[in-house]
PDB file of N, CA and C in Angstrom:
ATOM      1  N   MET A   1     -74.312  39.166  44.905  1.00  0.00           N
ATOM      2  CA  MET A   1     -74.303  40.289  43.999  1.00  0.00           C
ATOM      3  C   MET A   1     -72.922  40.938  43.975  1.00  0.00           C
ATOM      4  N   ARG A   2     -72.316  41.073  45.116  1.00  0.00           N
ATOM      5  CA  ARG A   2     -71.002  41.720  45.177  1.00  0.00           C
ATOM      6  C   ARG A   2     -69.977  40.875  44.429  1.00  0.00           C
ATOM      7  N   LEU A   3     -70.129  39.546  44.456  1.00  0.00           N
ATOM      8  CA  LEU A   3     -69.192  38.684  43.742  1.00  0.00           C
ATOM      9  C   LEU A   3     -69.326  38.847  42.235  1.00  0.00           C
ATOM     10  N   LEU A   4     -70.545  39.009  41.748  1.00  0.00           N
ATOM     11  CA  LEU A   4     -70.760  39.161  40.316  1.00  0.00           C
ATOM     12  C   LEU A   4     -70.357  40.541  39.809  1.00  0.00           C
ATOM     13  N   LEU A   5     -70.725  41.581  40.542  1.00  0.00           N
ATOM     14  CA  LEU A   5     -70.480  42.945  40.078  1.00  0.00           C
ATOM     15  C   LEU A   5     -69.119  43.483  40.471  1.00  0.00           C
ATOM     16  N   GLY A   6     -68.548  42.945  41.503  1.00  0.00           N
ATOM     17  CA  GLY A   6     -67.255  43.432  41.959  1.00  0.00           C
ATOM     18  C   GLY A   6     -67.404  44.614  42.898  1.00  0.00           C
ATOM     19  N   VAL A   7     -66.293  45.170  43.263  1.00  0.00           N
ATOM     20  CA  VAL A   7     -66.271  46.296  44.194  1.00  0.00           C
ATOM     21  C   VAL A   7     -66.680  47.565  43.456  1.00  0.00           C
ATOM     22  N   ASN A   8     -67.393  48.432  44.142  1.00  0.00           N
ATOM     23  CA  ASN A   8     -67.803  49.703  43.574  1.00  0.00           C
ATOM     24  C   ASN A   8     -66.598  50.638  43.537  1.00  0.00           C
ATOM     25  N   THR A   9     -66.064  50.872  42.328  1.00  0.00           N
ATOM     26  CA  THR A   9     -64.861  51.694  42.187  1.00  0.00           C
ATOM     27  C   THR A   9     -65.177  53.120  41.763  1.00  0.00           C
ATOM     28  N   VAL A  10     -66.456  53.474  41.736  1.00  0.00           N
ATOM     29  CA  VAL A  10     -66.846  54.820  41.324  1.00  0.00           C
ATOM     30  C   VAL A  10     -66.507  55.798  42.443  1.00  0.00           C
ATOM     31  N   SER A  11     -65.976  56.926  42.064  1.00  0.00           N
ATOM     32  CA  SER A  11     -65.605  57.948  43.034  1.00  0.00           C
ATOM     33  C   SER A  11     -66.845  58.496  43.733  1.00  0.00           C
ATOM     34  N   GLU A  12     -66.704  58.808  44.996  1.00  0.00           N
ATOM     35  CA  GLU A  12     -67.816  59.356  45.765  1.00  0.00           C
ATOM     36  C   GLU A  12     -67.795  60.886  45.781  1.00  0.00           C
ATOM     37  N   GLU A  13     -67.035  61.485  44.901  1.00  0.00           N
ATOM     38  CA  GLU A  13     -66.916  62.932  44.888  1.00  0.00           C
ATOM     39  C   GLU A  13     -67.585  63.511  43.650  1.00  0.00           C
ATOM     40  N   GLY A  14     -68.168  64.664  43.783  1.00  0.00           N
ATOM     41  CA  GLY A  14     -68.740  65.390  42.660  1.00  0.00           C
ATOM     42  C   GLY A  14     -69.973  64.720  42.094  1.00  0.00           C
ATOM     43  N   LEU A  15     -70.121  64.780  40.774  1.00  0.00           N
ATOM     44  CA  LEU A  15     -71.294  64.215  40.110  1.00  0.00           C
ATOM     45  C   LEU A  15     -71.284  62.692  40.099  1.00  0.00           C
ATOM     46  N   TRP A  16     -70.112  62.088  40.273  1.00  0.00           N
ATOM     47  CA  TRP A  16     -70.025  60.629  40.293  1.00  0.00           C
ATOM     48  C   TRP A  16     -70.688  60.041  41.529  1.00  0.00           C
ATOM     49  N   TYR A  17     -70.981  60.890  42.509  1.00  0.00           N
ATOM     50  CA  TYR A  17     -71.632  60.415  43.731  1.00  0.00           C
ATOM     51  C   TYR A  17     -72.990  59.788  43.411  1.00  0.00           C
ATOM     52  N   LEU A  18     -73.716  60.350  42.442  1.00  0.00           N
ATOM     53  CA  LEU A  18     -75.018  59.783  42.064  1.00  0.00           C
ATOM     54  C   LEU A  18     -74.863  58.370  41.504  1.00  0.00           C
ATOM     55  N   LEU A  19     -73.865  58.157  40.660  1.00  0.00           N
ATOM     56  CA  LEU A  19     -73.628  56.821  40.121  1.00  0.00           C
ATOM     57  C   LEU A  19     -73.264  55.845  41.234  1.00  0.00           C
ATOM     58  N   HIS A  20     -72.443  56.310  42.154  1.00  0.00           N
ATOM     59  CA  HIS A  20     -72.078  55.478  43.303  1.00  0.00           C
ATOM     60  C   HIS A  20     -73.320  55.112  44.110  1.00  0.00           C
ATOM     61  N   LEU A  21     -74.184  56.092  44.320  1.00  0.00           N
ATOM     62  CA  LEU A  21     -75.405  55.876  45.093  1.00  0.00           C
ATOM     63  C   LEU A  21     -76.348  54.909  44.386  1.00  0.00           C
ATOM     64  N   PHE A  22     -76.527  55.067  43.078  1.00  0.00           N
ATOM     65  CA  PHE A  22     -77.396  54.166  42.311  1.00  0.00           C
ATOM     66  C   PHE A  22     -76.862  52.740  42.324  1.00  0.00           C
ATOM     67  N   PHE A  23     -75.551  52.595  42.249  1.00  0.00           N
ATOM     68  CA  PHE A  23     -74.937  51.265  42.285  1.00  0.00           C
ATOM     69  C   PHE A  23     -75.253  50.564  43.598  1.00  0.00           C
ATOM     70  N   GLU A  24     -75.053  51.265  44.700  1.00  0.00           N
ATOM     71  CA  GLU A  24     -75.284  50.669  46.020  1.00  0.00           C
ATOM     72  C   GLU A  24     -76.759  50.364  46.252  1.00  0.00           C
ATOM     73  N   ILE A  25     -77.630  51.313  45.934  1.00  0.00           N
ATOM     74  CA  ILE A  25     -79.063  51.115  46.151  1.00  0.00           C
ATOM     75  C   ILE A  25     -79.587  50.002  45.246  1.00  0.00           C
ATOM     76  N   GLY A  26     -79.141  49.991  43.997  1.00  0.00           N
ATOM     77  CA  GLY A  26     -79.565  48.940  43.073  1.00  0.00           C
ATOM     78  C   GLY A  26     -79.147  47.564  43.534  1.00  0.00           C
ATOM     79  N   MET A  27     -77.937  47.451  44.055  1.00  0.00           N
ATOM     80  CA  MET A  27     -77.481  46.154  44.547  1.00  0.00           C
ATOM     81  C   MET A  27     -78.306  45.693  45.733  1.00  0.00           C
ATOM     82  N   ILE A  28     -78.639  46.628  46.607  1.00  0.00           N
ATOM     83  CA  ILE A  28     -79.422  46.266  47.781  1.00  0.00           C
ATOM     84  C   ILE A  28     -80.831  45.860  47.371  1.00  0.00           C
ATOM     85  N   GLN A  29     -81.457  46.635  46.495  1.00  0.00           N
ATOM     86  CA  GLN A  29     -82.830  46.336  46.107  1.00  0.00           C
ATOM     87  C   GLN A  29     -82.929  45.044  45.307  1.00  0.00           C
ATOM     88  N   VAL A  30     -82.108  44.861  44.317  1.00  0.00           N
ATOM     89  CA  VAL A  30     -82.171  43.647  43.499  1.00  0.00           C
ATOM     90  C   VAL A  30     -81.713  42.441  44.310  1.00  0.00           C
ATOM     91  N   GLY A  31     -80.610  42.577  45.013  1.00  0.00           N
ATOM     92  CA  GLY A  31     -80.085  41.464  45.805  1.00  0.00           C
ATOM     93  C   GLY A  31     -81.026  41.021  46.907  1.00  0.00           C
ATOM     94  N   LEU A  32     -81.712  41.979  47.510  1.00  0.00           N
ATOM     95  CA  LEU A  32     -82.660  41.658  48.573  1.00  0.00           C
ATOM     96  C   LEU A  32     -83.805  40.812  48.049  1.00  0.00           C
ATOM     97  N   TRP A  33     -84.394  41.215  46.937  1.00  0.00           N
ATOM     98  CA  TRP A  33     -85.554  40.486  46.421  1.00  0.00           C
ATOM     99  C   TRP A  33     -85.178  39.139  45.823  1.00  0.00           C
ATOM    100  N   VAL A  34     -84.095  39.070  45.122  1.00  0.00           N
ATOM    101  CA  VAL A  34     -83.672  37.786  44.554  1.00  0.00           C
ATOM    102  C   VAL A  34     -83.275  36.827  45.670  1.00  0.00           C
ATOM    103  N   GLY A  35     -82.540  37.311  46.650  1.00  0.00           N
ATOM    104  CA  GLY A  35     -82.164  36.473  47.796  1.00  0.00           C
ATOM    105  C   GLY A  35     -83.371  36.029  48.607  1.00  0.00           C
ATOM    106  N   ALA A  36     -84.343  36.909  48.782  1.00  0.00           N
ATOM    107  CA  ALA A  36     -85.561  36.541  49.514  1.00  0.00           C
ATOM    108  C   ALA A  36     -86.347  35.479  48.760  1.00  0.00           C
ATOM    109  N   ALA A  37     -86.418  35.592  47.445  1.00  0.00           N
ATOM    110  CA  ALA A  37     -87.132  34.588  46.646  1.00  0.00           C
ATOM    111  C   ALA A  37     -86.462  33.224  46.771  1.00  0.00           C
ATOM    112  N   ILE A  38     -85.148  33.196  46.704  1.00  0.00           N
ATOM    113  CA  ILE A  38     -84.415  31.934  46.836  1.00  0.00           C
ATOM    114  C   ILE A  38     -84.616  31.344  48.237  1.00  0.00           C
ATOM    115  N   ALA A  39     -84.516  32.178  49.257  1.00  0.00           N
ATOM    116  CA  ALA A  39     -84.651  31.696  50.639  1.00  0.00           C
ATOM    117  C   ALA A  39     -86.059  31.169  50.910  1.00  0.00           C
ATOM    118  N   ILE A  40     -87.075  31.889  50.473  1.00  0.00           N
ATOM    119  CA  ILE A  40     -88.456  31.443  50.713  1.00  0.00           C
ATOM    120  C   ILE A  40     -88.728  30.129  49.995  1.00  0.00           C
ATOM    121  N   CYS A  41     -88.315  30.021  48.740  1.00  0.00           N
ATOM    122  CA  CYS A  41     -88.522  28.768  47.998  1.00  0.00           C
ATOM    123  C   CYS A  41     -87.814  27.600  48.669  1.00  0.00           C
ATOM    124  N   PHE A  42     -86.569  27.805  49.098  1.00  0.00           N
ATOM    125  CA  PHE A  42     -85.831  26.719  49.718  1.00  0.00           C
ATOM    126  C   PHE A  42     -86.426  26.330  51.066  1.00  0.00           C
ATOM    127  N   VAL A  43     -86.799  27.292  51.887  1.00  0.00           N
ATOM    128  CA  VAL A  43     -87.370  26.983  53.201  1.00  0.00           C
ATOM    129  C   VAL A  43     -88.688  26.231  53.043  1.00  0.00           C
ATOM    130  N   LEU A  44     -89.540  26.681  52.122  1.00  0.00           N
ATOM    131  CA  LEU A  44     -90.802  25.979  51.906  1.00  0.00           C
ATOM    132  C   LEU A  44     -90.571  24.558  51.399  1.00  0.00           C
ATOM    133  N   LEU A  45     -89.657  24.388  50.463  1.00  0.00           N
ATOM    134  CA  LEU A  45     -89.340  23.051  49.965  1.00  0.00           C
ATOM    135  C   LEU A  45     -88.767  22.177  51.071  1.00  0.00           C
ATOM    136  N   ASP A  46     -87.894  22.727  51.884  1.00  0.00           N
ATOM    137  CA  ASP A  46     -87.257  21.968  52.948  1.00  0.00           C
ATOM    138  C   ASP A  46     -88.254  21.564  54.030  1.00  0.00           C
ATOM    139  N   VAL A  47     -89.087  22.499  54.451  1.00  0.00           N
ATOM    140  CA  VAL A  47     -90.022  22.221  55.540  1.00  0.00           C
ATOM    141  C   VAL A  47     -91.122  21.256  55.112  1.00  0.00           C
ATOM    142  N   PHE A  48     -91.686  21.488  53.936  1.00  0.00           N
ATOM    143  CA  PHE A  48     -92.856  20.705  53.543  1.00  0.00           C
ATOM    144  C   PHE A  48     -92.545  19.438  52.762  1.00  0.00           C
ATOM    145  N   TYR A  49     -91.358  19.311  52.198  1.00  0.00           N
ATOM    146  CA  TYR A  49     -91.096  18.131  51.382  1.00  0.00           C
ATOM    147  C   TYR A  49     -89.833  17.372  51.792  1.00  0.00           C
ATOM    148  N   LEU A  50     -88.707  18.069  51.880  1.00  0.00           N
ATOM    149  CA  LEU A  50     -87.437  17.371  52.068  1.00  0.00           C
ATOM    150  C   LEU A  50     -87.297  16.732  53.446  1.00  0.00           C
ATOM    151  N   ARG A  51     -87.792  17.368  54.475  1.00  0.00           N
ATOM    152  CA  ARG A  51     -87.633  16.783  55.818  1.00  0.00           C
ATOM    153  C   ARG A  51     -88.313  15.431  55.936  1.00  0.00           C
ATOM    154  N   LYS A  52     -89.481  15.292  55.331  1.00  0.00           N
ATOM    155  CA  LYS A  52     -90.207  14.021  55.397  1.00  0.00           C
ATOM    156  C   LYS A  52     -89.525  12.943  54.562  1.00  0.00           C
ATOM    157  N   LYS A  53     -89.018  13.333  53.400  1.00  0.00           N
ATOM    158  CA  LYS A  53     -88.415  12.361  52.497  1.00  0.00           C
ATOM    159  C   LYS A  53     -87.008  11.952  52.919  1.00  0.00           C
ATOM    160  N   LEU A  54     -86.313  12.804  53.647  1.00  0.00           N
ATOM    161  CA  LEU A  54     -84.897  12.552  53.953  1.00  0.00           C
ATOM    162  C   LEU A  54     -84.639  12.217  55.417  1.00  0.00           C
ATOM    163  N   LYS A  55     -85.613  11.661  56.109  1.00  0.00           N
ATOM    164  CA  LYS A  55     -85.435  11.402  57.540  1.00  0.00           C
ATOM    165  C   LYS A  55     -84.241  10.513  57.845  1.00  0.00           C
ATOM    166  N   ASN A  56     -84.121   9.408  57.177  1.00  0.00           N
ATOM    167  CA  ASN A  56     -83.038   8.460  57.475  1.00  0.00           C
ATOM    168  C   ASN A  56     -82.040   8.335  56.335  1.00  0.00           C
ATOM    169  N   ASN A  57     -81.938   9.348  55.520  1.00  0.00           N
ATOM    170  CA  ASN A  57     -81.017   9.302  54.390  1.00  0.00           C
ATOM    171  C   ASN A  57     -79.663   9.877  54.810  1.00  0.00           C
ATOM    172  N   PRO A  58     -78.580   9.125  54.617  1.00  0.00           N
ATOM    173  CA  PRO A  58     -77.259   9.635  55.032  1.00  0.00           C
ATOM    174  C   PRO A  58     -76.743  10.784  54.151  1.00  0.00           C
ATOM    175  N   LYS A  59     -77.311  10.954  52.967  1.00  0.00           N
ATOM    176  CA  LYS A  59     -76.845  12.007  52.060  1.00  0.00           C
ATOM    177  C   LYS A  59     -77.803  13.198  52.050  1.00  0.00           C
ATOM    178  N   LYS A  60     -78.457  13.459  53.168  1.00  0.00           N
ATOM    179  CA  LYS A  60     -79.466  14.524  53.157  1.00  0.00           C
ATOM    180  C   LYS A  60     -78.866  15.915  52.972  1.00  0.00           C
ATOM    181  N   MET A  61     -77.658  16.157  53.450  1.00  0.00           N
ATOM    182  CA  MET A  61     -77.037  17.471  53.264  1.00  0.00           C
ATOM    183  C   MET A  61     -76.686  17.714  51.796  1.00  0.00           C
ATOM    184  N   VAL A  62     -76.230  16.679  51.124  1.00  0.00           N
ATOM    185  CA  VAL A  62     -75.896  16.801  49.705  1.00  0.00           C
ATOM    186  C   VAL A  62     -77.167  17.058  48.894  1.00  0.00           C
ATOM    187  N   ILE A  63     -78.239  16.360  49.223  1.00  0.00           N
ATOM    188  CA  ILE A  63     -79.501  16.548  48.509  1.00  0.00           C
ATOM    189  C   ILE A  63     -80.056  17.942  48.768  1.00  0.00           C
ATOM    190  N   ARG A  64     -79.937  18.446  49.987  1.00  0.00           N
ATOM    191  CA  ARG A  64     -80.393  19.806  50.289  1.00  0.00           C
ATOM    192  C   ARG A  64     -79.563  20.837  49.529  1.00  0.00           C
ATOM    193  N   LEU A  65     -78.260  20.620  49.434  1.00  0.00           N
ATOM    194  CA  LEU A  65     -77.400  21.536  48.693  1.00  0.00           C
ATOM    195  C   LEU A  65     -77.765  21.542  47.208  1.00  0.00           C
ATOM    196  N   VAL A  66     -78.025  20.367  46.650  1.00  0.00           N
ATOM    197  CA  VAL A  66     -78.440  20.284  45.253  1.00  0.00           C
ATOM    198  C   VAL A  66     -79.782  20.983  45.056  1.00  0.00           C
ATOM    199  N   ALA A  67     -80.699  20.824  45.999  1.00  0.00           N
ATOM    200  CA  ALA A  67     -81.990  21.507  45.912  1.00  0.00           C
ATOM    201  C   ALA A  67     -81.821  23.012  45.967  1.00  0.00           C
ATOM    202  N   LEU A  68     -80.948  23.495  46.847  1.00  0.00           N
ATOM    203  CA  LEU A  68     -80.696  24.930  46.953  1.00  0.00           C
ATOM    204  C   LEU A  68     -80.078  25.475  45.665  1.00  0.00           C
ATOM    205  N   LEU A  69     -79.120  24.772  45.111  1.00  0.00           N
ATOM    206  CA  LEU A  69     -78.499  25.209  43.860  1.00  0.00           C
ATOM    207  C   LEU A  69     -79.494  25.178  42.696  1.00  0.00           C
ATOM    208  N   THR A  70     -80.368  24.181  42.667  1.00  0.00           N
ATOM    209  CA  THR A  70     -81.390  24.101  41.624  1.00  0.00           C
ATOM    210  C   THR A  70     -82.358  25.265  41.719  1.00  0.00           C
ATOM    211  N   ILE A  71     -82.811  25.582  42.929  1.00  0.00           N
ATOM    212  CA  ILE A  71     -83.703  26.719  43.123  1.00  0.00           C
ATOM    213  C   ILE A  71     -83.007  28.009  42.724  1.00  0.00           C
ATOM    214  N   THR A  72     -81.742  28.151  43.064  1.00  0.00           N
ATOM    215  CA  THR A  72     -80.991  29.347  42.696  1.00  0.00           C
ATOM    216  C   THR A  72     -80.910  29.502  41.181  1.00  0.00           C
ATOM    217  N   VAL A  73     -80.624  28.423  40.488  1.00  0.00           N
ATOM    218  CA  VAL A  73     -80.548  28.475  39.028  1.00  0.00           C
ATOM    219  C   VAL A  73     -81.903  28.840  38.431  1.00  0.00           C
ATOM    220  N   LEU A  74     -82.983  28.270  38.956  1.00  0.00           N
ATOM    221  CA  LEU A  74     -84.320  28.592  38.447  1.00  0.00           C
ATOM    222  C   LEU A  74     -84.676  30.056  38.673  1.00  0.00           C
ATOM    223  N   VAL A  75     -84.354  30.595  39.844  1.00  0.00           N
ATOM    224  CA  VAL A  75     -84.637  32.007  40.121  1.00  0.00           C
ATOM    225  C   VAL A  75     -83.805  32.905  39.218  1.00  0.00           C
ATOM    226  N   VAL A  76     -82.553  32.554  38.972  1.00  0.00           N
ATOM    227  CA  VAL A  76     -81.701  33.339  38.073  1.00  0.00           C
ATOM    228  C   VAL A  76     -82.254  33.320  36.653  1.00  0.00           C
ATOM    229  N   ILE A  77     -82.718  32.180  36.197  1.00  0.00           N
ATOM    230  CA  ILE A  77     -83.292  32.077  34.851  1.00  0.00           C
ATOM    231  C   ILE A  77     -84.557  32.922  34.738  1.00  0.00           C
ATOM    232  N   VAL A  78     -85.432  32.838  35.735  1.00  0.00           N
ATOM    233  CA  VAL A  78     -86.657  33.642  35.717  1.00  0.00           C
ATOM    234  C   VAL A  78     -86.324  35.126  35.752  1.00  0.00           C
ATOM    235  N   HIS A  79     -85.365  35.514  36.576  1.00  0.00           N
ATOM    236  CA  HIS A  79     -84.967  36.912  36.657  1.00  0.00           C
ATOM    237  C   HIS A  79     -84.399  37.387  35.320  1.00  0.00           C
ATOM    238  N   TYR A  80     -83.577  36.577  34.692  1.00  0.00           N
ATOM    239  CA  TYR A  80     -83.010  36.945  33.399  1.00  0.00           C
ATOM    240  C   TYR A  80     -84.108  37.093  32.348  1.00  0.00           C
ATOM    241  N   LEU A  81     -85.032  36.137  32.299  1.00  0.00           N
ATOM    242  CA  LEU A  81     -86.119  36.211  31.332  1.00  0.00           C
ATOM    243  C   LEU A  81     -86.978  37.451  31.533  1.00  0.00           C
ATOM    244  N   LEU A  82     -87.292  37.753  32.786  1.00  0.00           N
ATOM    245  CA  LEU A  82     -88.122  38.926  33.061  1.00  0.00           C
ATOM    246  C   LEU A  82     -87.393  40.234  32.772  1.00  0.00           C
ATOM    247  N   GLU A  83     -86.090  40.269  33.014  1.00  0.00           N
ATOM    248  CA  GLU A  83     -85.359  41.519  32.845  1.00  0.00           C
ATOM    249  C   GLU A  83     -84.894  41.742  31.412  1.00  0.00           C
ATOM    250  N   LYS A  84     -84.320  40.753  30.796  1.00  0.00           N
ATOM    251  CA  LYS A  84     -83.706  40.951  29.475  1.00  0.00           C
ATOM    252  C   LYS A  84     -84.624  40.583  28.304  1.00  0.00           C
ATOM    253  N   VAL A  85     -85.346  39.485  28.432  1.00  0.00           N
ATOM    254  CA  VAL A  85     -86.133  38.993  27.305  1.00  0.00           C
ATOM    255  C   VAL A  85     -87.497  39.677  27.234  1.00  0.00           C
ATOM    256  N   ILE A  86     -88.248  39.638  28.327  1.00  0.00           N
ATOM    257  CA  ILE A  86     -89.601  40.204  28.331  1.00  0.00           C
ATOM    258  C   ILE A  86     -89.585  41.692  28.666  1.00  0.00           C
ATOM    259  N   ASP A  87     -88.548  42.154  29.326  1.00  0.00           N
ATOM    260  CA  ASP A  87     -88.377  43.560  29.709  1.00  0.00           C
ATOM    261  C   ASP A  87     -89.491  44.044  30.646  1.00  0.00           C
ATOM    262  N   VAL A  88     -89.786  43.249  31.649  1.00  0.00           N
ATOM    263  CA  VAL A  88     -90.787  43.610  32.644  1.00  0.00           C
ATOM    264  C   VAL A  88     -90.126  44.331  33.812  1.00  0.00           C
ATOM    265  N   ILE A  89     -88.970  43.874  34.192  1.00  0.00           N
ATOM    266  CA  ILE A  89     -88.286  44.457  35.353  1.00  0.00           C
ATOM    267  C   ILE A  89     -87.492  45.659  34.903  1.00  0.00           C
TER     268      ILE A  89
END
């Protein structure tokens, strides 16, 4: 989240303090849930499917990385659809 949004440059003085506070809290709340969704999906996929299929495969790290990136893209797409298109979030 910090890479996408950048550093919080809002002043912490006066009325701008509320904007600074909302920025930080929003990043923590959104980043926590999106990161947790990605981590849970990847751990479940890894434990229940990938470990059995990739026992003797020399490219298992590459396949796990591709699986992690695929899950990340799917979670980002779902988050975008729910937030911007359907307006649920």
